[in-house]
């Protein structure tokens, strides 16, 4: 099994062997079960500030569950979770509010407010105690919608949008909160290959322009190849692999080889 050795949170070695900065997000031996079903078993990984981690694996292996632990929507049965230099393992809802101002999540369905227009959805985080004038809010909203390529949809309702457009708006709303990190839950699922490619282009542009720390949950190797600095591959609730894409491709692990072979039969690259 090609699992990377345990890495202390205080000092993480980079590709050149020199110490890197303290991880922005880290799991240490995290376990989570729902009844008799163990979804995460002894999971350890880290994400350095400014890096993008892609969590790969088939459906039902715990990829989205890992994100929900970072946001505090779920609590680990054992192990430790660190975010933005804080041990959030036992944080209550009030304590998590400060973390969620630093880390935001883009859900599969966009999680937009149905009764608000696109512009009002993106403006929502800007109205929460920021003290901005209305003309400032509208200027920021227009800029964000232009950045994600849906500037002409400002007055539409979410029900008027395609799945891909909803995700673009959700990304704009996430950026309005000025986060330090963004978590993307299957951003390219249930969209056609062209829209998937546009969404990956957008996430990559945000990486380059804003230097955000990111985690992208996906089952698509092509997405990971475009975006990932490191890969976490989950299989049956366990960390089958943690490392770079190059290291993963060189692995002789049978589970990884099967994943590569099946993936090659799918759609063209995004």
C-alpha atoms as a PDB file:
ATOM      1  CA  UNK A   1       0.000   0.000   0.000  1.00  0.00           C
ATOM      2  CA  UNK A   2       1.464   3.339  -1.076  1.00  0.00           C
ATOM      3  CA  UNK A   3       0.659   5.392   1.988  1.00  0.00           C
ATOM      4  CA  UNK A   4       2.941   8.312   2.785  1.00  0.00           C
ATOM      5  CA  UNK A   5       4.527   8.122   6.262  1.00  0.00           C
ATOM      6  CA  UNK A   6       3.110  10.205   9.056  1.00  0.00           C
ATOM      7  CA  UNK A   7       4.201  13.834   8.773  1.00  0.00           C
ATOM      8  CA  UNK A   8       4.344  16.018  11.884  1.00  0.00           C
ATOM      9  CA  UNK A   9       2.170  19.110  11.630  1.00  0.00           C
ATOM     10  CA  UNK A  10       4.945  21.382  12.918  1.00  0.00           C
ATOM     11  CA  UNK A  11       7.489  20.564  10.175  1.00  0.00           C
ATOM     12  CA  UNK A  12       6.617  19.269   6.694  1.00  0.00           C
ATOM     13  CA  UNK A  13       9.347  18.470   4.183  1.00  0.00           C
ATOM     14  CA  UNK A  14       8.989  19.795   0.653  1.00  0.00           C
ATOM     15  CA  UNK A  15      10.028  18.111  -2.578  1.00  0.00           C
ATOM     16  CA  UNK A  16      13.580  19.421  -2.118  1.00  0.00           C
ATOM     17  CA  UNK A  17      13.810  18.052   1.430  1.00  0.00           C
ATOM     18  CA  UNK A  18      13.818  21.495   3.061  1.00  0.00           C
ATOM     19  CA  UNK A  19      11.172  22.354   5.703  1.00  0.00           C
ATOM     20  CA  UNK A  20       8.001  23.971   4.393  1.00  0.00           C
ATOM     21  CA  UNK A  21       5.545  26.213   6.169  1.00  0.00           C
ATOM     22  CA  UNK A  22       3.143  24.785   8.713  1.00  0.00           C
ATOM     23  CA  UNK A  23       0.168  23.155   6.956  1.00  0.00           C
ATOM     24  CA  UNK A  24      -2.972  25.238   6.631  1.00  0.00           C
ATOM     25  CA  UNK A  25      -5.139  22.104   6.909  1.00  0.00           C
ATOM     26  CA  UNK A  26      -4.086  18.781   8.421  1.00  0.00           C
ATOM     27  CA  UNK A  27      -5.745  15.508   9.403  1.00  0.00           C
ATOM     28  CA  UNK A  28      -3.987  13.325  11.967  1.00  0.00           C
ATOM     29  CA  UNK A  29      -5.266   9.726  12.244  1.00  0.00           C
ATOM     30  CA  UNK A  30      -8.897  10.761  11.734  1.00  0.00           C
ATOM     31  CA  UNK A  31     -11.604   8.098  12.001  1.00  0.00           C
ATOM     32  CA  UNK A  32     -15.345   8.518  11.367  1.00  0.00           C
ATOM     33  CA  UNK A  33     -18.146   5.953  11.417  1.00  0.00           C
ATOM     34  CA  UNK A  34     -21.879   6.143  10.837  1.00  0.00           C
ATOM     35  CA  UNK A  35     -23.285   3.302  12.885  1.00  0.00           C
ATOM     36  CA  UNK A  36     -21.410   0.158  11.900  1.00  0.00           C
ATOM     37  CA  UNK A  37     -20.086   1.735   8.675  1.00  0.00           C
ATOM     38  CA  UNK A  38     -16.559   3.143   9.019  1.00  0.00           C
ATOM     39  CA  UNK A  39     -16.243   5.857   6.374  1.00  0.00           C
ATOM     40  CA  UNK A  40     -12.813   7.244   7.319  1.00  0.00           C
ATOM     41  CA  UNK A  41     -10.169   5.013   8.890  1.00  0.00           C
ATOM     42  CA  UNK A  42      -6.915   6.470  10.271  1.00  0.00           C
ATOM     43  CA  UNK A  43      -6.723   9.269   7.659  1.00  0.00           C
ATOM     44  CA  UNK A  44      -3.678  11.584   7.716  1.00  0.00           C
ATOM     45  CA  UNK A  45      -2.787  14.285   5.190  1.00  0.00           C
ATOM     46  CA  UNK A  46      -1.866  17.966   5.026  1.00  0.00           C
ATOM     47  CA  UNK A  47      -2.291  20.998   2.750  1.00  0.00           C
ATOM     48  CA  UNK A  48       0.392  23.708   2.683  1.00  0.00           C
ATOM     49  CA  UNK A  49      -0.782  27.356   2.365  1.00  0.00           C
ATOM     50  CA  UNK A  50      -1.306  28.220  -1.307  1.00  0.00           C
ATOM     51  CA  UNK A  51      -1.365  24.576  -2.387  1.00  0.00           C
ATOM     52  CA  UNK A  52      -4.166  22.622  -4.032  1.00  0.00           C
ATOM     53  CA  UNK A  53      -4.897  19.118  -2.789  1.00  0.00           C
ATOM     54  CA  UNK A  54      -7.133  16.895  -4.898  1.00  0.00           C
ATOM     55  CA  UNK A  55      -8.951  14.106  -3.074  1.00  0.00           C
ATOM     56  CA  UNK A  56      -9.492  11.267  -5.544  1.00  0.00           C
ATOM     57  CA  UNK A  57     -11.458   8.064  -5.298  1.00  0.00           C
ATOM     58  CA  UNK A  58     -14.639   6.314  -6.338  1.00  0.00           C
ATOM     59  CA  UNK A  59     -18.063   7.310  -5.054  1.00  0.00           C
ATOM     60  CA  UNK A  60     -18.743   6.557  -1.409  1.00  0.00           C
ATOM     61  CA  UNK A  61     -15.143   6.399  -0.182  1.00  0.00           C
ATOM     62  CA  UNK A  62     -15.406   9.392   2.185  1.00  0.00           C
ATOM     63  CA  UNK A  63     -14.165  12.269  -0.013  1.00  0.00           C
ATOM     64  CA  UNK A  64     -17.009  14.678   0.793  1.00  0.00           C
ATOM     65  CA  UNK A  65     -17.092  13.488   4.405  1.00  0.00           C
ATOM     66  CA  UNK A  66     -13.514  14.749   4.790  1.00  0.00           C
ATOM     67  CA  UNK A  67     -14.586  18.229   3.623  1.00  0.00           C
ATOM     68  CA  UNK A  68     -17.490  18.285   6.070  1.00  0.00           C
ATOM     69  CA  UNK A  69     -15.063  17.652   8.918  1.00  0.00           C
ATOM     70  CA  UNK A  70     -12.985  20.667   7.885  1.00  0.00           C
ATOM     71  CA  UNK A  71     -16.109  22.852   7.922  1.00  0.00           C
ATOM     72  CA  UNK A  72     -17.208  21.429  11.270  1.00  0.00           C
ATOM     73  CA  UNK A  73     -20.438  19.943   9.903  1.00  0.00           C
ATOM     74  CA  UNK A  74     -19.226  16.540  11.127  1.00  0.00           C
ATOM     75  CA  UNK A  75     -17.053  15.643  14.107  1.00  0.00           C
ATOM     76  CA  UNK A  76     -14.346  12.985  14.065  1.00  0.00           C
ATOM     77  CA  UNK A  77     -14.732   9.939  16.284  1.00  0.00           C
ATOM     78  CA  UNK A  78     -10.983  10.018  16.908  1.00  0.00           C
ATOM     79  CA  UNK A  79      -7.881  11.785  15.635  1.00  0.00           C
ATOM     80  CA  UNK A  80      -7.135  15.474  15.240  1.00  0.00           C
ATOM     81  CA  UNK A  81      -8.037  18.129  12.643  1.00  0.00           C
ATOM     82  CA  UNK A  82      -6.140  21.414  12.316  1.00  0.00           C
ATOM     83  CA  UNK A  83      -7.274  24.396  10.232  1.00  0.00           C
ATOM     84  CA  UNK A  84      -5.568  27.807   9.970  1.00  0.00           C
ATOM     85  CA  UNK A  85      -3.247  26.974  12.846  1.00  0.00           C
ATOM     86  CA  UNK A  86      -6.083  25.938  15.187  1.00  0.00           C
ATOM     87  CA  UNK A  87      -7.045  22.509  16.493  1.00  0.00           C
ATOM     88  CA  UNK A  88     -10.754  22.445  15.580  1.00  0.00           C
ATOM     89  CA  UNK A  89     -11.359  18.804  16.563  1.00  0.00           C
ATOM     90  CA  UNK A  90     -13.691  19.684  19.424  1.00  0.00           C
ATOM     91  CA  UNK A  91     -14.822  23.171  18.361  1.00  0.00           C
ATOM     92  CA  UNK A  92     -18.484  23.968  18.937  1.00  0.00           C
ATOM     93  CA  UNK A  93     -20.672  25.844  16.449  1.00  0.00           C
ATOM     94  CA  UNK A  94     -19.760  29.264  17.860  1.00  0.00           C
ATOM     95  CA  UNK A  95     -16.031  28.553  17.629  1.00  0.00           C
ATOM     96  CA  UNK A  96     -16.406  27.254  14.063  1.00  0.00           C
ATOM     97  CA  UNK A  97     -17.854  30.570  12.908  1.00  0.00           C
ATOM     98  CA  UNK A  98     -14.411  32.174  12.962  1.00  0.00           C
ATOM     99  CA  UNK A  99     -12.999  29.246  10.935  1.00  0.00           C
ATOM    100  CA  UNK A 100     -15.771  29.539   8.345  1.00  0.00           C
ATOM    101  CA  UNK A 101     -14.824  33.164   7.785  1.00  0.00           C
ATOM    102  CA  UNK A 102     -11.424  31.861   6.641  1.00  0.00           C
ATOM    103  CA  UNK A 103     -12.500  28.659   4.890  1.00  0.00           C
ATOM    104  CA  UNK A 104     -15.514  28.390   2.590  1.00  0.00           C
ATOM    105  CA  UNK A 105     -17.029  25.529   0.636  1.00  0.00           C
ATOM    106  CA  UNK A 106     -18.540  25.256  -2.843  1.00  0.00           C
ATOM    107  CA  UNK A 107     -21.172  22.525  -2.706  1.00  0.00           C
ATOM    108  CA  UNK A 108     -22.192  20.260  -5.599  1.00  0.00           C
ATOM    109  CA  UNK A 109     -25.613  21.909  -5.888  1.00  0.00           C
ATOM    110  CA  UNK A 110     -24.229  25.412  -5.385  1.00  0.00           C
ATOM    111  CA  UNK A 111     -26.328  25.884  -2.209  1.00  0.00           C
ATOM    112  CA  UNK A 112     -27.605  29.215  -3.516  1.00  0.00           C
ATOM    113  CA  UNK A 113     -30.576  30.999  -1.944  1.00  0.00           C
ATOM    114  CA  UNK A 114     -33.486  30.256  -4.295  1.00  0.00           C
ATOM    115  CA  UNK A 115     -35.370  33.469  -3.511  1.00  0.00           C
ATOM    116  CA  UNK A 116     -32.377  35.750  -4.160  1.00  0.00           C
ATOM    117  CA  UNK A 117     -31.026  36.805  -7.531  1.00  0.00           C
ATOM    118  CA  UNK A 118     -27.520  35.878  -8.627  1.00  0.00           C
ATOM    119  CA  UNK A 119     -26.283  39.324  -7.635  1.00  0.00           C
ATOM    120  CA  UNK A 120     -28.005  39.169  -4.252  1.00  0.00           C
ATOM    121  CA  UNK A 121     -26.512  35.723  -3.597  1.00  0.00           C
ATOM    122  CA  UNK A 122     -22.985  36.989  -4.236  1.00  0.00           C
ATOM    123  CA  UNK A 123     -23.638  40.143  -2.200  1.00  0.00           C
ATOM    124  CA  UNK A 124     -24.847  38.159   0.821  1.00  0.00           C
ATOM    125  CA  UNK A 125     -21.408  37.688   2.474  1.00  0.00           C
ATOM    126  CA  UNK A 126     -20.597  41.352   1.820  1.00  0.00           C
ATOM    127  CA  UNK A 127     -23.559  42.535   3.889  1.00  0.00           C
ATOM    128  CA  UNK A 128     -22.532  40.632   7.024  1.00  0.00           C
ATOM    129  CA  UNK A 129     -20.902  43.253   9.212  1.00  0.00           C
ATOM    130  CA  UNK A 130     -18.492  44.513   6.561  1.00  0.00           C
ATOM    131  CA  UNK A 131     -19.681  48.140   6.725  1.00  0.00           C
ATOM    132  CA  UNK A 132     -19.609  48.549   2.942  1.00  0.00           C
ATOM    133  CA  UNK A 133     -21.714  51.112   1.113  1.00  0.00           C
ATOM    134  CA  UNK A 134     -24.219  49.756  -1.394  1.00  0.00           C
ATOM    135  CA  UNK A 135     -22.299  51.108  -4.394  1.00  0.00           C
ATOM    136  CA  UNK A 136     -19.157  49.355  -3.101  1.00  0.00           C
ATOM    137  CA  UNK A 137     -21.069  46.084  -2.745  1.00  0.00           C
ATOM    138  CA  UNK A 138     -22.462  46.318  -6.268  1.00  0.00           C
ATOM    139  CA  UNK A 139     -19.018  47.076  -7.692  1.00  0.00           C
ATOM    140  CA  UNK A 140     -17.507  44.035  -5.955  1.00  0.00           C
ATOM    141  CA  UNK A 141     -20.396  41.808  -7.060  1.00  0.00           C
ATOM    142  CA  UNK A 142     -20.042  42.854 -10.694  1.00  0.00           C
ATOM    143  CA  UNK A 143     -16.298  42.271 -10.563  1.00  0.00           C
ATOM    144  CA  UNK A 144     -16.680  38.798  -9.072  1.00  0.00           C
ATOM    145  CA  UNK A 145     -19.369  37.751 -11.556  1.00  0.00           C
ATOM    146  CA  UNK A 146     -17.179  38.967 -14.386  1.00  0.00           C
ATOM    147  CA  UNK A 147     -14.245  37.007 -12.975  1.00  0.00           C
ATOM    148  CA  UNK A 148     -16.241  33.748 -13.037  1.00  0.00           C
ATOM    149  CA  UNK A 149     -17.791  34.451 -16.446  1.00  0.00           C
ATOM    150  CA  UNK A 150     -21.453  35.065 -15.567  1.00  0.00           C
ATOM    151  CA  UNK A 151     -21.587  38.862 -15.464  1.00  0.00           C
ATOM    152  CA  UNK A 152     -24.725  39.011 -17.627  1.00  0.00           C
ATOM    153  CA  UNK A 153     -26.722  36.824 -15.211  1.00  0.00           C
ATOM    154  CA  UNK A 154     -26.741  39.194 -12.244  1.00  0.00           C
ATOM    155  CA  UNK A 155     -30.538  39.636 -12.169  1.00  0.00           C
ATOM    156  CA  UNK A 156     -31.486  35.987 -12.784  1.00  0.00           C
ATOM    157  CA  UNK A 157     -32.717  33.571 -10.124  1.00  0.00           C
ATOM    158  CA  UNK A 158     -30.870  30.295  -9.428  1.00  0.00           C
ATOM    159  CA  UNK A 159     -33.775  28.402 -11.015  1.00  0.00           C
ATOM    160  CA  UNK A 160     -32.896  30.092 -14.321  1.00  0.00           C
ATOM    161  CA  UNK A 161     -29.328  28.723 -14.270  1.00  0.00           C
ATOM    162  CA  UNK A 162     -27.753  25.498 -15.447  1.00  0.00           C
ATOM    163  CA  UNK A 163     -25.806  23.334 -12.996  1.00  0.00           C
ATOM    164  CA  UNK A 164     -22.491  24.692 -14.266  1.00  0.00           C
ATOM    165  CA  UNK A 165     -23.645  28.305 -13.983  1.00  0.00           C
ATOM    166  CA  UNK A 166     -24.843  27.697 -10.418  1.00  0.00           C
ATOM    167  CA  UNK A 167     -21.386  26.449  -9.494  1.00  0.00           C
ATOM    168  CA  UNK A 168     -19.753  29.500 -11.063  1.00  0.00           C
ATOM    169  CA  UNK A 169     -22.055  31.764  -9.025  1.00  0.00           C
ATOM    170  CA  UNK A 170     -21.313  29.713  -5.905  1.00  0.00           C
ATOM    171  CA  UNK A 171     -17.587  30.250  -6.488  1.00  0.00           C
ATOM    172  CA  UNK A 172     -18.177  34.004  -6.842  1.00  0.00           C
ATOM    173  CA  UNK A 173     -20.135  34.026  -3.583  1.00  0.00           C
ATOM    174  CA  UNK A 174     -17.340  32.085  -1.868  1.00  0.00           C
ATOM    175  CA  UNK A 175     -14.788  34.633  -3.077  1.00  0.00           C
ATOM    176  CA  UNK A 176     -16.930  37.504  -1.777  1.00  0.00           C
ATOM    177  CA  UNK A 177     -16.158  36.307   1.749  1.00  0.00           C
ATOM    178  CA  UNK A 178     -12.421  36.881   1.059  1.00  0.00           C
ATOM    179  CA  UNK A 179     -11.466  33.411   2.311  1.00  0.00           C
ATOM    180  CA  UNK A 180      -7.994  32.025   2.837  1.00  0.00           C
ATOM    181  CA  UNK A 181      -9.084  28.581   1.599  1.00  0.00           C
ATOM    182  CA  UNK A 182     -11.822  27.133  -0.618  1.00  0.00           C
ATOM    183  CA  UNK A 183     -13.131  23.568  -0.610  1.00  0.00           C
ATOM    184  CA  UNK A 184     -14.726  22.316  -3.854  1.00  0.00           C
ATOM    185  CA  UNK A 185     -17.026  19.283  -3.655  1.00  0.00           C
ATOM    186  CA  UNK A 186     -17.073  17.510  -7.061  1.00  0.00           C
ATOM    187  CA  UNK A 187     -17.098  20.761  -9.107  1.00  0.00           C
ATOM    188  CA  UNK A 188     -17.279  18.991 -12.487  1.00  0.00           C
ATOM    189  CA  UNK A 189     -19.841  16.270 -11.753  1.00  0.00           C
ATOM    190  CA  UNK A 190     -23.187  16.313 -13.603  1.00  0.00           C
ATOM    191  CA  UNK A 191     -22.034  18.876 -16.196  1.00  0.00           C
ATOM    192  CA  UNK A 192     -21.064  18.373 -19.832  1.00  0.00           C
ATOM    193  CA  UNK A 193     -17.350  18.195 -20.793  1.00  0.00           C
ATOM    194  CA  UNK A 194     -17.236  21.790 -22.084  1.00  0.00           C
ATOM    195  CA  UNK A 195     -18.650  23.248 -18.850  1.00  0.00           C
ATOM    196  CA  UNK A 196     -16.380  20.957 -16.834  1.00  0.00           C
ATOM    197  CA  UNK A 197     -13.376  22.328 -18.710  1.00  0.00           C
ATOM    198  CA  UNK A 198     -14.513  25.918 -18.081  1.00  0.00           C
ATOM    199  CA  UNK A 199     -14.944  25.248 -14.351  1.00  0.00           C
ATOM    200  CA  UNK A 200     -11.478  23.711 -14.111  1.00  0.00           C
ATOM    201  CA  UNK A 201     -10.060  26.706 -16.017  1.00  0.00           C
ATOM    202  CA  UNK A 202     -11.757  28.994 -13.500  1.00  0.00           C
ATOM    203  CA  UNK A 203     -10.418  27.129 -10.456  1.00  0.00           C
ATOM    204  CA  UNK A 204      -6.937  27.144 -11.991  1.00  0.00           C
ATOM    205  CA  UNK A 205      -7.170  30.892 -12.680  1.00  0.00           C
ATOM    206  CA  UNK A 206      -8.137  31.540  -9.066  1.00  0.00           C
ATOM    207  CA  UNK A 207      -5.171  29.462  -7.923  1.00  0.00           C
ATOM    208  CA  UNK A 208      -2.790  31.544 -10.013  1.00  0.00           C
ATOM    209  CA  UNK A 209      -4.292  34.961  -9.269  1.00  0.00           C
ATOM    210  CA  UNK A 210      -5.278  34.679  -5.595  1.00  0.00           C
ATOM    211  CA  UNK A 211      -2.910  31.983  -4.259  1.00  0.00           C
ATOM    212  CA  UNK A 212      -5.723  30.419  -2.239  1.00  0.00           C
ATOM    213  CA  UNK A 213      -5.322  27.174  -0.355  1.00  0.00           C
ATOM    214  CA  UNK A 214      -7.703  24.715  -2.020  1.00  0.00           C
ATOM    215  CA  UNK A 215      -9.059  21.204  -1.704  1.00  0.00           C
ATOM    216  CA  UNK A 216     -10.860  19.740  -4.708  1.00  0.00           C
ATOM    217  CA  UNK A 217     -12.860  16.545  -4.270  1.00  0.00           C
ATOM    218  CA  UNK A 218     -13.155  14.702  -7.566  1.00  0.00           C
ATOM    219  CA  UNK A 219     -13.315  11.234  -9.128  1.00  0.00           C
ATOM    220  CA  UNK A 220     -11.732  12.501 -12.360  1.00  0.00           C
ATOM    221  CA  UNK A 221      -7.989  12.049 -12.911  1.00  0.00           C
ATOM    222  CA  UNK A 222      -7.993  14.760 -15.589  1.00  0.00           C
ATOM    223  CA  UNK A 223      -9.185  17.350 -13.087  1.00  0.00           C
ATOM    224  CA  UNK A 224      -6.484  16.272 -10.645  1.00  0.00           C
ATOM    225  CA  UNK A 225      -3.791  16.426 -13.331  1.00  0.00           C
ATOM    226  CA  UNK A 226      -4.734  20.020 -14.094  1.00  0.00           C
ATOM    227  CA  UNK A 227      -5.054  21.293 -10.544  1.00  0.00           C
ATOM    228  CA  UNK A 228      -3.247  19.204  -7.936  1.00  0.00           C
ATOM    229  CA  UNK A 229      -0.010  19.956  -6.130  1.00  0.00           C
ATOM    230  CA  UNK A 230      -0.646  16.816  -4.084  1.00  0.00           C
ATOM    231  CA  UNK A 231      -3.096  13.907  -4.286  1.00  0.00           C
ATOM    232  CA  UNK A 232      -4.942  12.072  -1.533  1.00  0.00           C
ATOM    233  CA  UNK A 233      -6.416   8.836  -2.912  1.00  0.00           C
ATOM    234  CA  UNK A 234      -9.098   7.270  -0.733  1.00  0.00           C
ATOM    235  CA  UNK A 235     -10.115   3.633  -1.081  1.00  0.00           C
ATOM    236  CA  UNK A 236     -12.610   1.916   1.184  1.00  0.00           C
ATOM    237  CA  UNK A 237     -12.229   4.709   3.732  1.00  0.00           C
ATOM    238  CA  UNK A 238      -8.446   4.503   3.900  1.00  0.00           C
ATOM    239  CA  UNK A 239      -5.661   6.720   2.553  1.00  0.00           C
ATOM    240  CA  UNK A 240      -4.351   4.480  -0.205  1.00  0.00           C
ATOM    241  CA  UNK A 241      -1.924   7.183  -1.352  1.00  0.00           C
ATOM    242  CA  UNK A 242      -0.782  10.696  -0.425  1.00  0.00           C
ATOM    243  CA  UNK A 243       1.821  12.497  -2.541  1.00  0.00           C
ATOM    244  CA  UNK A 244       2.373  14.193  -5.899  1.00  0.00           C
ATOM    245  CA  UNK A 245       0.769  13.178  -9.179  1.00  0.00           C
ATOM    246  CA  UNK A 246       4.155  12.010 -10.495  1.00  0.00           C
ATOM    247  CA  UNK A 247       4.633   9.781  -7.451  1.00  0.00           C
ATOM    248  CA  UNK A 248       1.148   8.394  -7.858  1.00  0.00           C
ATOM    249  CA  UNK A 249       1.720   7.517 -11.524  1.00  0.00           C
ATOM    250  CA  UNK A 250       4.934   5.708 -10.616  1.00  0.00           C
ATOM    251  CA  UNK A 251       3.231   3.649  -7.929  1.00  0.00           C
ATOM    252  CA  UNK A 252       2.829  -0.073  -8.522  1.00  0.00           C
ATOM    253  CA  UNK A 253      -0.130  -0.258  -6.137  1.00  0.00           C
ATOM    254  CA  UNK A 254      -2.785  -2.493  -7.732  1.00  0.00           C
ATOM    255  CA  UNK A 255      -5.736  -0.334  -6.608  1.00  0.00           C
ATOM    256  CA  UNK A 256      -4.169   2.764  -8.179  1.00  0.00           C
ATOM    257  CA  UNK A 257      -3.368   0.884 -11.383  1.00  0.00           C
ATOM    258  CA  UNK A 258      -6.986  -0.245 -11.703  1.00  0.00           C
ATOM    259  CA  UNK A 259      -8.182   3.317 -11.151  1.00  0.00           C
ATOM    260  CA  UNK A 260      -5.887   4.601 -13.920  1.00  0.00           C
ATOM    261  CA  UNK A 261      -6.984   1.897 -16.345  1.00  0.00           C
ATOM    262  CA  UNK A 262     -10.698   2.489 -15.795  1.00  0.00           C
ATOM    263  CA  UNK A 263     -10.259   6.258 -15.959  1.00  0.00           C
ATOM    264  CA  UNK A 264      -8.623   6.012 -19.381  1.00  0.00           C
ATOM    265  CA  UNK A 265     -11.885   4.651 -20.787  1.00  0.00           C
ATOM    266  CA  UNK A 266     -13.834   7.801 -19.892  1.00  0.00           C
ATOM    267  CA  UNK A 267     -14.309  11.226 -21.455  1.00  0.00           C
ATOM    268  CA  UNK A 268     -11.611  13.356 -23.150  1.00  0.00           C
ATOM    269  CA  UNK A 269      -9.435  15.567 -20.907  1.00  0.00           C
ATOM    270  CA  UNK A 270     -10.915  18.664 -19.282  1.00  0.00           C
END
